Amino acid sequence: MAALRLRARGCDSVREILQIVWFSRKTFNRAEQQYRLTGTVAKAQAIGRGRPWKALHEAVQYLIRLAHHKPTLFLDEYQRRLKEYRLLSLSMATIHCELQRAGLNTKWVQKMAAERDPMKCADFV
């Protein structure tokens, strides 16, 4: 935008503008064309960026239920249970991200583990 403003001002030649902003002539022409077409020099934001979620909704729900039932499990234990009972191989990073996305953080899990009632756990088992 700065280069285009300098050009619109008319005081500097294109060569001087390119030296000021350190652009190539091709980049300047591309920015000028983009501005004429869209009114901005910024590229359009890509739709659907990022990788698709690897974890299925049912697997995430299973993780959340498991976290409520056994809040002191480590990520590798969650990973093992998913592989064993759901036949789903997820990385520990993916499991961590899904638990964070569900609102489960370390402080919440520690509080939940401290408040567990052993009698209710025995009834559940």
Protein backbone atom coordinates (compact mmCIF):
# COMPACT_ATOMS: atom_id res chain seq x y z
CA MET A 1 0.00 0.00 0.00
CA ALA A 2 2.88 2.35 0.78
CA ALA A 3 4.29 1.89 -2.71
CA LEU A 4 0.89 2.56 -4.27
CA ARG A 5 0.44 5.68 -2.14
CA LEU A 6 3.84 6.95 -3.27
CA ARG A 7 2.85 6.30 -6.88
CA ALA A 8 -0.48 8.11 -6.41
CA ARG A 9 1.29 11.08 -4.85
CA GLY A 10 3.24 11.48 -8.11
CA CYS A 11 6.40 12.96 -6.61
CA ASP A 12 8.59 9.88 -7.06
CA SER A 13 9.33 7.81 -10.16
CA VAL A 14 8.56 4.09 -10.17
CA ARG A 15 12.29 3.36 -10.04
CA GLU A 16 12.69 5.47 -6.88
CA ILE A 17 9.62 3.87 -5.30
CA LEU A 18 11.02 0.40 -5.94
CA GLN A 19 14.29 1.39 -4.27
CA ILE A 20 12.43 2.77 -1.26
CA VAL A 21 10.20 -0.27 -0.69
CA TRP A 22 12.70 -2.88 -1.94
CA PHE A 23 10.24 -4.47 -4.39
CA SER A 24 10.86 -5.91 -7.79
CA ARG A 25 8.99 -4.37 -10.69
CA LYS A 26 6.96 -7.57 -11.03
CA THR A 27 5.85 -7.47 -7.38
CA PHE A 28 4.87 -3.82 -7.72
CA ASN A 29 2.83 -4.54 -10.87
CA ARG A 30 1.14 -7.50 -9.18
CA ALA A 31 0.22 -5.38 -6.14
CA GLU A 32 -1.10 -2.63 -8.38
CA GLN A 33 -3.25 -5.09 -10.32
CA GLN A 34 -4.53 -6.71 -7.11
CA TYR A 35 -5.49 -3.27 -5.79
CA ARG A 36 -7.36 -2.38 -8.99
CA LEU A 37 -9.30 -5.66 -8.94
CA THR A 38 -10.14 -5.97 -5.24
CA GLY A 39 -9.43 -2.62 -3.59
CA THR A 40 -6.72 -4.14 -1.39
CA VAL A 41 -3.21 -5.47 -1.93
CA ALA A 42 -3.70 -8.33 0.52
CA LYS A 43 -4.25 -11.81 -0.82
CA ALA A 44 -7.66 -13.34 -0.24
CA GLN A 45 -7.69 -15.57 2.80
CA ALA A 46 -7.84 -19.24 1.93
CA ILE A 47 -11.03 -21.04 2.84
CA GLY A 48 -10.69 -24.30 4.71
CA ARG A 49 -7.13 -23.71 5.82
CA GLY A 50 -5.42 -26.17 8.07
CA ARG A 51 -5.46 -29.89 8.35
CA PRO A 52 -8.71 -31.75 8.92
CA TRP A 53 -9.32 -33.09 12.40
CA LYS A 54 -7.96 -36.57 12.75
CA ALA A 55 -9.98 -37.39 15.83
CA LEU A 56 -13.57 -38.43 15.30
CA HIS A 57 -16.33 -36.88 17.36
CA GLU A 58 -17.08 -40.20 19.07
CA ALA A 59 -13.41 -40.65 20.00
CA VAL A 60 -13.30 -37.16 21.50
CA GLN A 61 -16.43 -37.89 23.52
CA TYR A 62 -14.81 -41.12 24.72
CA LEU A 63 -11.71 -39.15 25.76
CA ILE A 64 -13.80 -36.67 27.72
CA ARG A 65 -15.75 -39.40 29.49
CA LEU A 66 -12.49 -41.17 30.27
CA ALA A 67 -10.99 -37.94 31.62
CA HIS A 68 -14.00 -37.50 33.91
CA HIS A 69 -13.76 -41.10 35.10
CA LYS A 70 -9.96 -41.26 35.47
CA PRO A 71 -8.63 -37.70 35.55
CA THR A 72 -5.10 -38.69 36.54
CA LEU A 73 -4.24 -40.68 33.39
CA PHE A 74 -1.25 -39.62 31.34
CA LEU A 75 -1.50 -38.90 27.64
CA ASP A 76 0.20 -42.17 26.70
CA GLU A 77 -2.44 -44.04 28.70
CA TYR A 78 -5.21 -42.23 26.83
CA GLN A 79 -3.40 -43.12 23.61
CA ARG A 80 -3.17 -46.80 24.58
CA ARG A 81 -6.86 -46.98 25.50
CA LEU A 82 -7.92 -45.34 22.24
CA LYS A 83 -5.84 -47.83 20.30
CA GLU A 84 -7.05 -50.80 22.34
CA TYR A 85 -10.76 -50.03 22.67
CA ARG A 86 -11.49 -47.73 19.71
CA LEU A 87 -8.90 -49.04 17.22
CA LEU A 88 -7.85 -45.44 16.66
CA SER A 89 -4.21 -44.42 16.58
CA LEU A 90 -3.83 -40.79 17.65
CA SER A 91 -0.65 -38.98 18.59
CA MET A 92 -0.27 -37.62 22.10
CA ALA A 93 -0.21 -34.10 20.63
CA THR A 94 -3.62 -34.68 19.02
CA ILE A 95 -5.01 -36.08 22.26
CA HIS A 96 -3.66 -33.09 24.17
CA CYS A 97 -5.20 -30.65 21.66
CA GLU A 98 -8.58 -32.38 21.81
CA LEU A 99 -8.61 -32.31 25.62
CA GLN A 100 -7.68 -28.62 25.57
CA ARG A 101 -10.38 -27.90 22.98
CA ALA A 102 -12.86 -29.62 25.31
CA GLY A 103 -11.81 -27.27 28.12
CA LEU A 104 -9.84 -29.78 30.17
CA ASN A 105 -6.67 -28.20 31.51
CA THR A 106 -4.22 -29.37 34.16
CA LYS A 107 -5.70 -27.24 36.94
CA TRP A 108 -9.23 -28.50 36.26
CA VAL A 109 -8.08 -32.13 36.12
CA GLN A 110 -6.15 -31.80 39.40
CA LYS A 111 -9.20 -30.28 41.08
CA MET A 112 -11.43 -33.03 39.70
CA ALA A 113 -9.00 -35.71 40.93
CA ALA A 114 -8.87 -34.17 44.41
CA GLU A 115 -12.68 -34.13 44.66
CA ARG A 116 -13.17 -37.76 43.65
CA ASP A 117 -15.26 -39.84 45.99
CA PRO A 118 -13.84 -43.38 46.44
CA MET A 119 -17.29 -44.82 47.20
CA LYS A 120 -18.74 -43.47 43.95
CA CYS A 121 -15.76 -44.89 42.06
CA ALA A 122 -16.33 -48.29 43.64
CA ASP A 123 -20.05 -48.14 42.71
CA PHE A 124 -19.11 -47.22 39.15
CA VAL A 125 -16.65 -50.10 38.83
